[in-house]
Amino acid sequence: MTWAEEQLFAGIREMVYRRSLPLATRKLQIVATKLDTRSGLVGLALPLADGIFAPDRVGALISRV
């Protein structure tokens, strides 16, 4: 990790810990992703899958069949 990345993560950690209750951050780890260039695709895919496979949407699709 570069010096600039270390500083960025230190700032993020500081803000998260300052704005959160200690119990909520007790086991929290803020680290760099290991996904490299795929991180954007994975970040997009997760909420898309949540929306597509939401119970009400699945129910609506099944009722059409």
PDB file of N, CA and C in Angstrom:
ATOM      1  N   MET A   1       0.855  -1.175   0.000  1.00  0.00           N
ATOM      2  CA  MET A   1       0.000   0.000   0.000  1.00  0.00           C
ATOM      3  C   MET A   1       0.900   1.237   0.000  1.00  0.00           C
ATOM      4  N   THR A   2       0.550   2.194  -0.813  1.00  0.00           N
ATOM      5  CA  THR A   2       1.358   3.412  -0.904  1.00  0.00           C
ATOM      6  C   THR A   2       1.076   4.326   0.282  1.00  0.00           C
ATOM      7  N   TRP A   3       1.934   5.313   0.456  1.00  0.00           N
ATOM      8  CA  TRP A   3       1.762   6.276   1.542  1.00  0.00           C
ATOM      9  C   TRP A   3       0.428   7.010   1.403  1.00  0.00           C
ATOM     10  N   ALA A   4       0.081   7.384   0.170  1.00  0.00           N
ATOM     11  CA  ALA A   4      -1.171   8.105  -0.065  1.00  0.00           C
ATOM     12  C   ALA A   4      -2.377   7.234   0.301  1.00  0.00           C
ATOM     13  N   GLU A   5      -2.324   5.955  -0.052  1.00  0.00           N
ATOM     14  CA  GLU A   5      -3.418   5.044   0.297  1.00  0.00           C
ATOM     15  C   GLU A   5      -3.525   4.864   1.804  1.00  0.00           C
ATOM     16  N   GLU A   6      -2.396   4.758   2.479  1.00  0.00           N
ATOM     17  CA  GLU A   6      -2.394   4.638   3.933  1.00  0.00           C
ATOM     18  C   GLU A   6      -3.038   5.863   4.586  1.00  0.00           C
ATOM     19  N   GLN A   7      -2.726   7.034   4.072  1.00  0.00           N
ATOM     20  CA  GLN A   7      -3.311   8.264   4.610  1.00  0.00           C
ATOM     21  C   GLN A   7      -4.811   8.323   4.357  1.00  0.00           C
ATOM     22  N   LEU A   8      -5.227   7.902   3.180  1.00  0.00           N
ATOM     23  CA  LEU A   8      -6.649   7.886   2.842  1.00  0.00           C
ATOM     24  C   LEU A   8      -7.402   6.952   3.783  1.00  0.00           C
ATOM     25  N   PHE A   9      -6.903   5.748   3.974  1.00  0.00           N
ATOM     26  CA  PHE A   9      -7.558   4.795   4.857  1.00  0.00           C
ATOM     27  C   PHE A   9      -7.544   5.264   6.304  1.00  0.00           C
ATOM     28  N   ALA A  10      -6.476   5.900   6.730  1.00  0.00           N
ATOM     29  CA  ALA A  10      -6.424   6.437   8.094  1.00  0.00           C
ATOM     30  C   ALA A  10      -7.525   7.480   8.289  1.00  0.00           C
ATOM     31  N   GLY A  11      -7.725   8.342   7.315  1.00  0.00           N
ATOM     32  CA  GLY A  11      -8.778   9.352   7.399  1.00  0.00           C
ATOM     33  C   GLY A  11     -10.167   8.739   7.410  1.00  0.00           C
ATOM     34  N   ILE A  12     -10.363   7.720   6.582  1.00  0.00           N
ATOM     35  CA  ILE A  12     -11.660   7.037   6.544  1.00  0.00           C
ATOM     36  C   ILE A  12     -11.932   6.367   7.882  1.00  0.00           C
ATOM     37  N   ARG A  13     -10.940   5.654   8.406  1.00  0.00           N
ATOM     38  CA  ARG A  13     -11.111   4.986   9.705  1.00  0.00           C
ATOM     39  C   ARG A  13     -11.438   5.991  10.800  1.00  0.00           C
ATOM     40  N   GLU A  14     -10.730   7.096  10.800  1.00  0.00           N
ATOM     41  CA  GLU A  14     -10.953   8.121  11.816  1.00  0.00           C
ATOM     42  C   GLU A  14     -12.398   8.618  11.787  1.00  0.00           C
ATOM     43  N   MET A  15     -12.908   8.912  10.600  1.00  0.00           N
ATOM     44  CA  MET A  15     -14.278   9.414  10.484  1.00  0.00           C
ATOM     45  C   MET A  15     -15.306   8.352  10.881  1.00  0.00           C
ATOM     46  N   VAL A  16     -15.086   7.122  10.454  1.00  0.00           N
ATOM     47  CA  VAL A  16     -16.026   6.054  10.786  1.00  0.00           C
ATOM     48  C   VAL A  16     -16.058   5.835  12.289  1.00  0.00           C
ATOM     49  N   TYR A  17     -14.901   5.747  12.924  1.00  0.00           N
ATOM     50  CA  TYR A  17     -14.849   5.511  14.369  1.00  0.00           C
ATOM     51  C   TYR A  17     -15.421   6.693  15.148  1.00  0.00           C
ATOM     52  N   ARG A  18     -15.200   7.891  14.647  1.00  0.00           N
ATOM     53  CA  ARG A  18     -15.713   9.080  15.335  1.00  0.00           C
ATOM     54  C   ARG A  18     -17.242   9.141  15.280  1.00  0.00           C
ATOM     55  N   ARG A  19     -17.823   8.695  14.174  1.00  0.00           N
ATOM     56  CA  ARG A  19     -19.274   8.817  13.984  1.00  0.00           C
ATOM     57  C   ARG A  19     -20.061   7.569  14.372  1.00  0.00           C
ATOM     58  N   SER A  20     -19.372   6.531  14.829  1.00  0.00           N
ATOM     59  CA  SER A  20     -20.052   5.276  15.138  1.00  0.00           C
ATOM     60  C   SER A  20     -19.923   4.931  16.616  1.00  0.00           C
ATOM     61  N   LEU A  21     -20.855   4.134  17.083  1.00  0.00           N
ATOM     62  CA  LEU A  21     -20.781   3.641  18.447  1.00  0.00           C
ATOM     63  C   LEU A  21     -19.677   2.582  18.542  1.00  0.00           C
ATOM     64  N   PRO A  22     -18.983   2.518  19.664  1.00  0.00           N
ATOM     65  CA  PRO A  22     -17.889   1.545  19.804  1.00  0.00           C
ATOM     66  C   PRO A  22     -18.323   0.101  19.543  1.00  0.00           C
ATOM     67  N   LEU A  23     -19.506  -0.258  19.973  1.00  0.00           N
ATOM     68  CA  LEU A  23     -19.973  -1.626  19.748  1.00  0.00           C
ATOM     69  C   LEU A  23     -20.121  -1.930  18.256  1.00  0.00           C
ATOM     70  N   ALA A  24     -20.503  -0.941  17.476  1.00  0.00           N
ATOM     71  CA  ALA A  24     -20.689  -1.138  16.032  1.00  0.00           C
ATOM     72  C   ALA A  24     -19.366  -1.300  15.297  1.00  0.00           C
ATOM     73  N   THR A  25     -18.292  -0.753  15.832  1.00  0.00           N
ATOM     74  CA  THR A  25     -17.000  -0.808  15.148  1.00  0.00           C
ATOM     75  C   THR A  25     -16.008  -1.737  15.831  1.00  0.00           C
ATOM     76  N   ARG A  26     -16.473  -2.474  16.815  1.00  0.00           N
ATOM     77  CA  ARG A  26     -15.566  -3.320  17.589  1.00  0.00           C
ATOM     78  C   ARG A  26     -14.785  -4.285  16.706  1.00  0.00           C
ATOM     79  N   LYS A  27     -15.441  -4.913  15.754  1.00  0.00           N
ATOM     80  CA  LYS A  27     -14.773  -5.888  14.879  1.00  0.00           C
ATOM     81  C   LYS A  27     -14.634  -5.384  13.442  1.00  0.00           C
ATOM     82  N   LEU A  28     -14.915  -4.119  13.230  1.00  0.00           N
ATOM     83  CA  LEU A  28     -14.868  -3.550  11.887  1.00  0.00           C
ATOM     84  C   LEU A  28     -13.440  -3.444  11.382  1.00  0.00           C
ATOM     85  N   GLN A  29     -13.236  -3.880  10.155  1.00  0.00           N
ATOM     86  CA  GLN A  29     -11.942  -3.729   9.495  1.00  0.00           C
ATOM     87  C   GLN A  29     -12.156  -2.948   8.206  1.00  0.00           C
ATOM     88  N   ILE A  30     -11.415  -1.896   8.047  1.00  0.00           N
ATOM     89  CA  ILE A  30     -11.473  -1.106   6.816  1.00  0.00           C
ATOM     90  C   ILE A  30     -10.159  -1.340   6.091  1.00  0.00           C
ATOM     91  N   VAL A  31     -10.237  -2.065   4.985  1.00  0.00           N
ATOM     92  CA  VAL A  31      -9.046  -2.475   4.252  1.00  0.00           C
ATOM     93  C   VAL A  31      -9.260  -2.256   2.757  1.00  0.00           C
ATOM     94  N   ALA A  32      -8.179  -2.296   2.020  1.00  0.00           N
ATOM     95  CA  ALA A  32      -8.255  -2.169   0.563  1.00  0.00           C
ATOM     96  C   ALA A  32      -8.828  -3.453  -0.026  1.00  0.00           C
ATOM     97  N   THR A  33      -9.522  -3.320  -1.121  1.00  0.00           N
ATOM     98  CA  THR A  33     -10.100  -4.479  -1.788  1.00  0.00           C
ATOM     99  C   THR A  33      -9.026  -5.345  -2.433  1.00  0.00           C
ATOM    100  N   LYS A  34      -9.324  -6.618  -2.551  1.00  0.00           N
ATOM    101  CA  LYS A  34      -8.431  -7.537  -3.257  1.00  0.00           C
ATOM    102  C   LYS A  34      -8.980  -7.824  -4.654  1.00  0.00           C
ATOM    103  N   LEU A  35     -10.038  -7.130  -5.037  1.00  0.00           N
ATOM    104  CA  LEU A  35     -10.685  -7.377  -6.320  1.00  0.00           C
ATOM    105  C   LEU A  35     -10.024  -6.637  -7.478  1.00  0.00           C
ATOM    106  N   ASP A  36      -9.158  -5.703  -7.180  1.00  0.00           N
ATOM    107  CA  ASP A  36      -8.473  -4.905  -8.200  1.00  0.00           C
ATOM    108  C   ASP A  36      -9.472  -4.272  -9.159  1.00  0.00           C
ATOM    109  N   THR A  37      -9.320  -4.543 -10.451  1.00  0.00           N
ATOM    110  CA  THR A  37     -10.152  -3.874 -11.456  1.00  0.00           C
ATOM    111  C   THR A  37     -11.580  -4.398 -11.481  1.00  0.00           C
ATOM    112  N   ARG A  38     -11.856  -5.517 -10.794  1.00  0.00           N
ATOM    113  CA  ARG A  38     -13.206  -6.080 -10.773  1.00  0.00           C
ATOM    114  C   ARG A  38     -14.077  -5.459  -9.688  1.00  0.00           C
ATOM    115  N   SER A  39     -13.528  -4.615  -8.839  1.00  0.00           N
ATOM    116  CA  SER A  39     -14.280  -4.099  -7.698  1.00  0.00           C
ATOM    117  C   SER A  39     -15.532  -3.333  -8.127  1.00  0.00           C
ATOM    118  N   GLY A  40     -15.460  -2.570  -9.184  1.00  0.00           N
ATOM    119  CA  GLY A  40     -16.627  -1.834  -9.660  1.00  0.00           C
ATOM    120  C   GLY A  40     -17.729  -2.758 -10.147  1.00  0.00           C
ATOM    121  N   LEU A  41     -17.341  -3.816 -10.861  1.00  0.00           N
ATOM    122  CA  LEU A  41     -18.330  -4.778 -11.350  1.00  0.00           C
ATOM    123  C   LEU A  41     -19.007  -5.518 -10.202  1.00  0.00           C
ATOM    124  N   VAL A  42     -18.225  -5.928  -9.225  1.00  0.00           N
ATOM    125  CA  VAL A  42     -18.805  -6.623  -8.071  1.00  0.00           C
ATOM    126  C   VAL A  42     -19.694  -5.670  -7.290  1.00  0.00           C
ATOM    127  N   GLY A  43     -19.243  -4.428  -7.120  1.00  0.00           N
ATOM    128  CA  GLY A  43     -20.045  -3.436  -6.418  1.00  0.00           C
ATOM    129  C   GLY A  43     -21.368  -3.162  -7.114  1.00  0.00           C
ATOM    130  N   LEU A  44     -21.398  -3.233  -8.409  1.00  0.00           N
ATOM    131  CA  LEU A  44     -22.639  -3.056  -9.169  1.00  0.00           C
ATOM    132  C   LEU A  44     -23.496  -4.316  -9.134  1.00  0.00           C
ATOM    133  N   ALA A  45     -22.879  -5.477  -9.226  1.00  0.00           N
ATOM    134  CA  ALA A  45     -23.613  -6.735  -9.313  1.00  0.00           C
ATOM    135  C   ALA A  45     -24.397  -7.042  -8.041  1.00  0.00           C
ATOM    136  N   LEU A  46     -23.854  -6.727  -6.888  1.00  0.00           N
ATOM    137  CA  LEU A  46     -24.528  -7.077  -5.633  1.00  0.00           C
ATOM    138  C   LEU A  46     -25.879  -6.369  -5.467  1.00  0.00           C
ATOM    139  N   PRO A  47     -25.956  -5.041  -5.596  1.00  0.00           N
ATOM    140  CA  PRO A  47     -27.287  -4.427  -5.467  1.00  0.00           C
ATOM    141  C   PRO A  47     -28.228  -4.792  -6.628  1.00  0.00           C
ATOM    142  N   LEU A  48     -27.666  -5.045  -7.806  1.00  0.00           N
ATOM    143  CA  LEU A  48     -28.512  -5.486  -8.920  1.00  0.00           C
ATOM    144  C   LEU A  48     -29.159  -6.827  -8.607  1.00  0.00           C
ATOM    145  N   ALA A  49     -28.361  -7.762  -8.100  1.00  0.00           N
ATOM    146  CA  ALA A  49     -28.899  -9.078  -7.752  1.00  0.00           C
ATOM    147  C   ALA A  49     -29.922  -8.962  -6.629  1.00  0.00           C
ATOM    148  N   ASP A  50     -29.656  -8.100  -5.652  1.00  0.00           N
ATOM    149  CA  ASP A  50     -30.625  -7.893  -4.568  1.00  0.00           C
ATOM    150  C   ASP A  50     -31.956  -7.392  -5.119  1.00  0.00           C
ATOM    151  N   GLY A  51     -31.907  -6.495  -6.085  1.00  0.00           N
ATOM    152  CA  GLY A  51     -33.132  -5.965  -6.667  1.00  0.00           C
ATOM    153  C   GLY A  51     -33.841  -6.976  -7.545  1.00  0.00           C
ATOM    154  N   ILE A  52     -33.095  -7.695  -8.345  1.00  0.00           N
ATOM    155  CA  ILE A  52     -33.695  -8.666  -9.260  1.00  0.00           C
ATOM    156  C   ILE A  52     -34.341  -9.816  -8.488  1.00  0.00           C
ATOM    157  N   PHE A  53     -33.665 -10.272  -7.442  1.00  0.00           N
ATOM    158  CA  PHE A  53     -34.161 -11.427  -6.692  1.00  0.00           C
ATOM    159  C   PHE A  53     -34.889 -11.042  -5.410  1.00  0.00           C
ATOM    160  N   ALA A  54     -35.356  -9.810  -5.321  1.00  0.00           N
ATOM    161  CA  ALA A  54     -36.162  -9.393  -4.170  1.00  0.00           C
ATOM    162  C   ALA A  54     -37.444 -10.222  -4.151  1.00  0.00           C
ATOM    163  N   PRO A  55     -37.903 -10.610  -2.966  1.00  0.00           N
ATOM    164  CA  PRO A  55     -39.075 -11.490  -2.872  1.00  0.00           C
ATOM    165  C   PRO A  55     -40.299 -10.995  -3.653  1.00  0.00           C
ATOM    166  N   ASP A  56     -40.588  -9.704  -3.603  1.00  0.00           N
ATOM    167  CA  ASP A  56     -41.766  -9.210  -4.323  1.00  0.00           C
ATOM    168  C   ASP A  56     -41.595  -9.313  -5.835  1.00  0.00           C
ATOM    169  N   ARG A  57     -40.387  -9.095  -6.342  1.00  0.00           N
ATOM    170  CA  ARG A  57     -40.155  -9.210  -7.790  1.00  0.00           C
ATOM    171  C   ARG A  57     -40.220 -10.656  -8.242  1.00  0.00           C
ATOM    172  N   VAL A  58     -39.638 -11.554  -7.463  1.00  0.00           N
ATOM    173  CA  VAL A  58     -39.687 -12.971  -7.811  1.00  0.00           C
ATOM    174  C   VAL A  58     -41.133 -13.448  -7.787  1.00  0.00           C
ATOM    175  N   GLY A  59     -41.876 -13.024  -6.759  1.00  0.00           N
ATOM    176  CA  GLY A  59     -43.285 -13.393  -6.688  1.00  0.00           C
ATOM    177  C   GLY A  59     -44.065 -12.897  -7.895  1.00  0.00           C
ATOM    178  N   ALA A  60     -43.798 -11.687  -8.324  1.00  0.00           N
ATOM    179  CA  ALA A  60     -44.489 -11.128  -9.504  1.00  0.00           C
ATOM    180  C   ALA A  60     -44.130 -11.912 -10.761  1.00  0.00           C
ATOM    181  N   LEU A  61     -42.883 -12.302 -10.905  1.00  0.00           N
ATOM    182  CA  LEU A  61     -42.477 -13.071 -12.079  1.00  0.00           C
ATOM    183  C   LEU A  61     -43.128 -14.455 -12.082  1.00  0.00           C
ATOM    184  N   ILE A  62     -43.213 -15.064 -10.920  1.00  0.00           N
ATOM    185  CA  ILE A  62     -43.809 -16.401 -10.829  1.00  0.00           C
ATOM    186  C   ILE A  62     -45.302 -16.342 -11.133  1.00  0.00           C
ATOM    187  N   SER A  63     -45.961 -15.296 -10.661  1.00  0.00           N
ATOM    188  CA  SER A  63     -47.410 -15.192 -10.882  1.00  0.00           C
ATOM    189  C   SER A  63     -47.747 -14.968 -12.349  1.00  0.00           C
ATOM    190  N   ARG A  64     -46.818 -14.481 -13.147  1.00  0.00           N
ATOM    191  CA  ARG A  64     -47.057 -14.255 -14.578  1.00  0.00           C
ATOM    192  C   ARG A  64     -46.997 -15.553 -15.385  1.00  0.00           C
ATOM    193  N   VAL A  65     -46.333 -16.556 -14.832  1.00  0.00           N
ATOM    194  CA  VAL A  65     -46.118 -17.807 -15.582  1.00  0.00           C
ATOM    195  C   VAL A  65     -47.320 -18.664 -15.591  1.00  0.00           C
TER     196      VAL A  65
END
